[in-house]
């Protein structure tokens, strides 16, 4: 009987230690990406400040904007009603020795109004032109905000509202596939706008 009690105590102790260790390991996994996420937020804020400055001051600070407006006159679309999309491409100079014209993409915003529904998305790029941040929100739901953080073109964090989503989940896989596909399409539009 004593042997059985000791064995149960040891297995209970081992189980509790496993739970404690697992609990300690979870924050570490999330923390490994805290520095890159903080750097992405810093760079995003810097880009947004530069864009705001370029819109506020008439003199050029080297930030340019091309816009594509779909349904500019707000004509009613069948089965949708009011529909309008505005895609804005913010860009600046890249390597001026290879190309004297501005062509380095900083940010893309996509604003869509459909009847009473408003959607907004933004893409932020690092100095090498890689997507580092994607954000979307839909006025339809309070939980419709999503933020995607990328490092070396890999998703490192995905949040929906205030909830962190496991980046290995099917939900994350489907979402990231859609974001990357749209990113490629929008970048092609941007390059076409420069020709």
C-alpha atoms as a PDB file:
ATOM      1  CA  UNK A   1       0.000   0.000   0.000  1.00  0.00           C
ATOM      2  CA  UNK A   2       2.835   2.386   0.891  1.00  0.00           C
ATOM      3  CA  UNK A   3       4.557   1.610  -2.426  1.00  0.00           C
ATOM      4  CA  UNK A   4       1.369   2.401  -4.307  1.00  0.00           C
ATOM      5  CA  UNK A   5       0.923   5.725  -2.439  1.00  0.00           C
ATOM      6  CA  UNK A   6       4.558   6.678  -3.134  1.00  0.00           C
ATOM      7  CA  UNK A   7       4.142   5.800  -6.815  1.00  0.00           C
ATOM      8  CA  UNK A   8       0.957   7.915  -6.998  1.00  0.00           C
ATOM      9  CA  UNK A   9       2.694  10.807  -5.205  1.00  0.00           C
ATOM     10  CA  UNK A  10       5.654  10.602  -7.624  1.00  0.00           C
ATOM     11  CA  UNK A  11       3.408  10.505 -10.688  1.00  0.00           C
ATOM     12  CA  UNK A  12       1.313  13.400  -9.313  1.00  0.00           C
ATOM     13  CA  UNK A  13       4.510  15.353  -8.609  1.00  0.00           C
ATOM     14  CA  UNK A  14       5.845  14.563 -12.095  1.00  0.00           C
ATOM     15  CA  UNK A  15       2.555  15.607 -13.662  1.00  0.00           C
ATOM     16  CA  UNK A  16       2.517  18.908 -11.719  1.00  0.00           C
ATOM     17  CA  UNK A  17       6.123  19.622 -12.669  1.00  0.00           C
ATOM     18  CA  UNK A  18       5.282  18.959 -16.312  1.00  0.00           C
ATOM     19  CA  UNK A  19       2.374  21.423 -16.127  1.00  0.00           C
ATOM     20  CA  UNK A  20       4.558  24.060 -14.435  1.00  0.00           C
ATOM     21  CA  UNK A  21       7.348  23.638 -16.967  1.00  0.00           C
ATOM     22  CA  UNK A  22       4.909  23.777 -19.865  1.00  0.00           C
ATOM     23  CA  UNK A  23       3.390  26.945 -18.417  1.00  0.00           C
ATOM     24  CA  UNK A  24       6.833  28.504 -18.150  1.00  0.00           C
ATOM     25  CA  UNK A  25       7.718  27.531 -21.705  1.00  0.00           C
ATOM     26  CA  UNK A  26       4.643  29.118 -23.296  1.00  0.00           C
ATOM     27  CA  UNK A  27       5.529  32.741 -22.544  1.00  0.00           C
ATOM     28  CA  UNK A  28       9.084  32.164 -23.754  1.00  0.00           C
ATOM     29  CA  UNK A  29       7.794  31.030 -27.145  1.00  0.00           C
ATOM     30  CA  UNK A  30       5.716  34.209 -27.433  1.00  0.00           C
ATOM     31  CA  UNK A  31       8.587  36.355 -26.161  1.00  0.00           C
ATOM     32  CA  UNK A  32      11.028  35.177 -28.814  1.00  0.00           C
ATOM     33  CA  UNK A  33       9.129  37.350 -31.296  1.00  0.00           C
ATOM     34  CA  UNK A  34       8.619  40.375 -29.043  1.00  0.00           C
ATOM     35  CA  UNK A  35      11.724  42.177 -30.361  1.00  0.00           C
ATOM     36  CA  UNK A  36      10.883  41.735 -34.070  1.00  0.00           C
ATOM     37  CA  UNK A  37       7.269  42.749 -33.399  1.00  0.00           C
ATOM     38  CA  UNK A  38       8.430  45.857 -31.509  1.00  0.00           C
ATOM     39  CA  UNK A  39      10.762  46.725 -34.415  1.00  0.00           C
ATOM     40  CA  UNK A  40       7.914  46.252 -36.919  1.00  0.00           C
ATOM     41  CA  UNK A  41       5.688  48.548 -34.857  1.00  0.00           C
ATOM     42  CA  UNK A  42       8.464  51.153 -34.655  1.00  0.00           C
ATOM     43  CA  UNK A  43       9.069  51.050 -38.419  1.00  0.00           C
ATOM     44  CA  UNK A  44       5.312  51.195 -39.133  1.00  0.00           C
ATOM     45  CA  UNK A  45       4.939  54.239 -36.897  1.00  0.00           C
ATOM     46  CA  UNK A  46       7.914  55.920 -38.583  1.00  0.00           C
ATOM     47  CA  UNK A  47       6.456  55.288 -42.060  1.00  0.00           C
ATOM     48  CA  UNK A  48       3.010  56.547 -40.984  1.00  0.00           C
ATOM     49  CA  UNK A  49       4.582  59.725 -39.556  1.00  0.00           C
ATOM     50  CA  UNK A  50       6.518  60.345 -42.786  1.00  0.00           C
ATOM     51  CA  UNK A  51       3.346  59.863 -44.835  1.00  0.00           C
ATOM     52  CA  UNK A  52       1.350  62.187 -42.554  1.00  0.00           C
ATOM     53  CA  UNK A  53       4.109  64.796 -42.864  1.00  0.00           C
ATOM     54  CA  UNK A  54       4.070  64.516 -46.669  1.00  0.00           C
ATOM     55  CA  UNK A  55       0.296  65.061 -46.700  1.00  0.00           C
ATOM     56  CA  UNK A  56       0.512  68.022 -44.327  1.00  0.00           C
ATOM     57  CA  UNK A  57       3.346  69.919 -46.066  1.00  0.00           C
ATOM     58  CA  UNK A  58       3.132  70.948 -49.697  1.00  0.00           C
ATOM     59  CA  UNK A  59       6.884  70.671 -50.260  1.00  0.00           C
ATOM     60  CA  UNK A  60       8.050  67.204 -51.151  1.00  0.00           C
ATOM     61  CA  UNK A  61       9.721  65.139 -48.458  1.00  0.00           C
ATOM     62  CA  UNK A  62      10.334  62.338 -50.930  1.00  0.00           C
ATOM     63  CA  UNK A  63       7.102  60.415 -50.222  1.00  0.00           C
ATOM     64  CA  UNK A  64       4.831  60.001 -53.235  1.00  0.00           C
ATOM     65  CA  UNK A  65       1.311  58.612 -53.534  1.00  0.00           C
ATOM     66  CA  UNK A  66      -0.521  56.989 -56.441  1.00  0.00           C
ATOM     67  CA  UNK A  67      -4.210  56.197 -56.068  1.00  0.00           C
ATOM     68  CA  UNK A  68      -6.527  53.881 -57.911  1.00  0.00           C
ATOM     69  CA  UNK A  69     -10.225  54.602 -57.381  1.00  0.00           C
ATOM     70  CA  UNK A  70     -12.794  52.029 -58.382  1.00  0.00           C
ATOM     71  CA  UNK A  71     -16.265  53.463 -59.027  1.00  0.00           C
ATOM     72  CA  UNK A  72     -15.195  57.051 -58.414  1.00  0.00           C
ATOM     73  CA  UNK A  73     -18.676  58.508 -58.880  1.00  0.00           C
ATOM     74  CA  UNK A  74     -20.286  56.109 -56.340  1.00  0.00           C
ATOM     75  CA  UNK A  75     -22.741  54.582 -58.809  1.00  0.00           C
ATOM     76  CA  UNK A  76     -24.919  51.886 -57.320  1.00  0.00           C
ATOM     77  CA  UNK A  77     -23.776  48.327 -58.039  1.00  0.00           C
ATOM     78  CA  UNK A  78     -26.311  45.516 -58.531  1.00  0.00           C
ATOM     79  CA  UNK A  79     -26.954  43.528 -55.326  1.00  0.00           C
ATOM     80  CA  UNK A  80     -24.373  45.673 -53.457  1.00  0.00           C
ATOM     81  CA  UNK A  81     -25.635  49.239 -53.466  1.00  0.00           C
ATOM     82  CA  UNK A  82     -23.004  51.884 -52.847  1.00  0.00           C
ATOM     83  CA  UNK A  83     -19.585  50.544 -53.719  1.00  0.00           C
ATOM     84  CA  UNK A  84     -16.231  52.268 -53.854  1.00  0.00           C
ATOM     85  CA  UNK A  85     -12.630  51.131 -53.350  1.00  0.00           C
ATOM     86  CA  UNK A  86      -9.595  53.392 -53.063  1.00  0.00           C
ATOM     87  CA  UNK A  87      -6.132  51.839 -53.224  1.00  0.00           C
ATOM     88  CA  UNK A  88      -3.279  54.152 -52.215  1.00  0.00           C
ATOM     89  CA  UNK A  89       0.371  53.345 -52.890  1.00  0.00           C
ATOM     90  CA  UNK A  90       2.915  55.304 -50.836  1.00  0.00           C
ATOM     91  CA  UNK A  91       6.474  55.121 -52.102  1.00  0.00           C
ATOM     92  CA  UNK A  92       9.846  56.854 -52.088  1.00  0.00           C
ATOM     93  CA  UNK A  93      13.296  56.603 -53.610  1.00  0.00           C
ATOM     94  CA  UNK A  94      15.107  53.295 -53.543  1.00  0.00           C
ATOM     95  CA  UNK A  95      18.652  52.825 -54.784  1.00  0.00           C
ATOM     96  CA  UNK A  96      19.193  56.096 -56.667  1.00  0.00           C
ATOM     97  CA  UNK A  97      22.365  54.857 -58.344  1.00  0.00           C
ATOM     98  CA  UNK A  98      20.443  52.106 -60.128  1.00  0.00           C
ATOM     99  CA  UNK A  99      17.217  54.068 -60.648  1.00  0.00           C
ATOM    100  CA  UNK A 100      16.918  57.852 -60.242  1.00  0.00           C
ATOM    101  CA  UNK A 101      13.119  57.658 -59.926  1.00  0.00           C
ATOM    102  CA  UNK A 102      11.102  56.826 -56.799  1.00  0.00           C
ATOM    103  CA  UNK A 103      10.011  53.183 -56.811  1.00  0.00           C
ATOM    104  CA  UNK A 104      10.448  51.795 -53.269  1.00  0.00           C
ATOM    105  CA  UNK A 105       7.067  50.844 -51.862  1.00  0.00           C
ATOM    106  CA  UNK A 106       6.463  51.881 -48.241  1.00  0.00           C
ATOM    107  CA  UNK A 107       2.782  51.251 -47.678  1.00  0.00           C
ATOM    108  CA  UNK A 108      -0.436  50.266 -49.439  1.00  0.00           C
ATOM    109  CA  UNK A 109      -3.878  51.099 -48.067  1.00  0.00           C
ATOM    110  CA  UNK A 110      -7.148  49.689 -49.376  1.00  0.00           C
ATOM    111  CA  UNK A 111     -10.395  51.337 -48.279  1.00  0.00           C
ATOM    112  CA  UNK A 112     -13.682  49.816 -49.435  1.00  0.00           C
ATOM    113  CA  UNK A 113     -17.212  51.073 -48.801  1.00  0.00           C
ATOM    114  CA  UNK A 114     -20.109  48.709 -49.606  1.00  0.00           C
ATOM    115  CA  UNK A 115     -23.480  50.063 -48.607  1.00  0.00           C
ATOM    116  CA  UNK A 116     -23.194  50.383 -44.818  1.00  0.00           C
ATOM    117  CA  UNK A 117     -20.052  48.246 -44.535  1.00  0.00           C
ATOM    118  CA  UNK A 118     -16.559  49.771 -44.373  1.00  0.00           C
ATOM    119  CA  UNK A 119     -13.360  47.763 -44.822  1.00  0.00           C
ATOM    120  CA  UNK A 120      -9.788  48.917 -44.390  1.00  0.00           C
ATOM    121  CA  UNK A 121      -6.485  47.138 -44.999  1.00  0.00           C
ATOM    122  CA  UNK A 122      -2.875  48.232 -44.948  1.00  0.00           C
ATOM    123  CA  UNK A 123       0.402  46.665 -45.976  1.00  0.00           C
ATOM    124  CA  UNK A 124       3.740  47.968 -44.636  1.00  0.00           C
ATOM    125  CA  UNK A 125       7.077  47.149 -46.270  1.00  0.00           C
ATOM    126  CA  UNK A 126      10.623  47.286 -44.910  1.00  0.00           C
ATOM    127  CA  UNK A 127      13.475  49.120 -46.715  1.00  0.00           C
ATOM    128  CA  UNK A 128      14.283  45.992 -48.737  1.00  0.00           C
ATOM    129  CA  UNK A 129      10.684  45.849 -50.016  1.00  0.00           C
ATOM    130  CA  UNK A 130       9.514  42.862 -47.980  1.00  0.00           C
ATOM    131  CA  UNK A 131       6.070  42.776 -46.396  1.00  0.00           C
ATOM    132  CA  UNK A 132       6.478  43.117 -42.630  1.00  0.00           C
ATOM    133  CA  UNK A 133       2.978  44.049 -41.465  1.00  0.00           C
ATOM    134  CA  UNK A 134      -0.588  43.597 -42.642  1.00  0.00           C
ATOM    135  CA  UNK A 135      -3.651  44.956 -40.868  1.00  0.00           C
ATOM    136  CA  UNK A 136      -7.355  44.665 -41.694  1.00  0.00           C
ATOM    137  CA  UNK A 137     -10.597  45.722 -40.090  1.00  0.00           C
ATOM    138  CA  UNK A 138     -14.227  45.487 -41.029  1.00  0.00           C
ATOM    139  CA  UNK A 139     -16.952  47.640 -39.501  1.00  0.00           C
ATOM    140  CA  UNK A 140     -19.266  44.633 -39.418  1.00  0.00           C
ATOM    141  CA  UNK A 141     -17.819  43.143 -36.215  1.00  0.00           C
ATOM    142  CA  UNK A 142     -15.814  44.257 -33.182  1.00  0.00           C
ATOM    143  CA  UNK A 143     -13.629  41.151 -33.559  1.00  0.00           C
ATOM    144  CA  UNK A 144     -12.860  41.806 -37.205  1.00  0.00           C
ATOM    145  CA  UNK A 145      -9.457  43.405 -36.609  1.00  0.00           C
ATOM    146  CA  UNK A 146      -6.489  41.276 -37.628  1.00  0.00           C
ATOM    147  CA  UNK A 147      -2.790  42.085 -37.432  1.00  0.00           C
ATOM    148  CA  UNK A 148      -0.115  40.008 -39.162  1.00  0.00           C
ATOM    149  CA  UNK A 149       3.590  40.402 -38.403  1.00  0.00           C
ATOM    150  CA  UNK A 150       6.272  39.013 -40.723  1.00  0.00           C
ATOM    151  CA  UNK A 151      10.024  38.452 -40.392  1.00  0.00           C
ATOM    152  CA  UNK A 152      12.030  37.201 -43.363  1.00  0.00           C
ATOM    153  CA  UNK A 153       8.715  36.724 -45.195  1.00  0.00           C
ATOM    154  CA  UNK A 154       7.451  34.300 -42.527  1.00  0.00           C
ATOM    155  CA  UNK A 155       4.449  34.946 -40.328  1.00  0.00           C
ATOM    156  CA  UNK A 156       5.640  35.377 -36.735  1.00  0.00           C
ATOM    157  CA  UNK A 157       2.460  36.664 -35.089  1.00  0.00           C
ATOM    158  CA  UNK A 158      -1.239  36.849 -35.917  1.00  0.00           C
ATOM    159  CA  UNK A 159      -3.805  38.515 -33.709  1.00  0.00           C
ATOM    160  CA  UNK A 160      -7.556  38.642 -34.164  1.00  0.00           C
ATOM    161  CA  UNK A 161      -8.990  41.358 -31.970  1.00  0.00           C
ATOM    162  CA  UNK A 162      -7.024  40.833 -28.766  1.00  0.00           C
ATOM    163  CA  UNK A 163      -6.624  37.078 -29.259  1.00  0.00           C
ATOM    164  CA  UNK A 164      -3.341  35.594 -30.461  1.00  0.00           C
ATOM    165  CA  UNK A 165      -3.874  32.935 -33.106  1.00  0.00           C
ATOM    166  CA  UNK A 166      -1.581  29.928 -33.338  1.00  0.00           C
ATOM    167  CA  UNK A 167       0.434  30.618 -36.502  1.00  0.00           C
ATOM    168  CA  UNK A 168       0.497  26.880 -37.268  1.00  0.00           C
ATOM    169  CA  UNK A 169      -3.312  26.591 -37.228  1.00  0.00           C
ATOM    170  CA  UNK A 170      -5.520  26.072 -40.267  1.00  0.00           C
ATOM    171  CA  UNK A 171      -7.116  29.484 -39.597  1.00  0.00           C
ATOM    172  CA  UNK A 172      -3.702  31.153 -39.856  1.00  0.00           C
ATOM    173  CA  UNK A 173      -2.747  29.155 -42.952  1.00  0.00           C
ATOM    174  CA  UNK A 174      -5.912  30.135 -44.841  1.00  0.00           C
ATOM    175  CA  UNK A 175      -5.631  33.782 -43.783  1.00  0.00           C
ATOM    176  CA  UNK A 176      -1.974  34.098 -44.692  1.00  0.00           C
ATOM    177  CA  UNK A 177      -2.542  32.522 -48.101  1.00  0.00           C
ATOM    178  CA  UNK A 178      -5.176  35.168 -48.896  1.00  0.00           C
ATOM    179  CA  UNK A 179      -2.980  38.029 -47.625  1.00  0.00           C
ATOM    180  CA  UNK A 180       0.076  36.971 -49.635  1.00  0.00           C
ATOM    181  CA  UNK A 181      -1.971  36.462 -52.804  1.00  0.00           C
ATOM    182  CA  UNK A 182      -3.498  39.937 -52.481  1.00  0.00           C
ATOM    183  CA  UNK A 183      -0.063  41.408 -51.692  1.00  0.00           C
ATOM    184  CA  UNK A 184       1.297  40.079 -55.000  1.00  0.00           C
ATOM    185  CA  UNK A 185      -1.703  41.448 -56.932  1.00  0.00           C
ATOM    186  CA  UNK A 186      -1.390  44.903 -55.345  1.00  0.00           C
ATOM    187  CA  UNK A 187       2.369  45.066 -55.931  1.00  0.00           C
ATOM    188  CA  UNK A 188       1.761  44.341 -59.622  1.00  0.00           C
ATOM    189  CA  UNK A 189      -0.769  47.186 -59.717  1.00  0.00           C
ATOM    190  CA  UNK A 190       1.795  49.461 -58.084  1.00  0.00           C
ATOM    191  CA  UNK A 191       4.482  48.594 -60.640  1.00  0.00           C
ATOM    192  CA  UNK A 192       1.952  49.176 -63.441  1.00  0.00           C
ATOM    193  CA  UNK A 193       1.163  52.610 -62.002  1.00  0.00           C
ATOM    194  CA  UNK A 194       4.829  53.612 -62.401  1.00  0.00           C
ATOM    195  CA  UNK A 195       4.930  52.857 -66.150  1.00  0.00           C
END
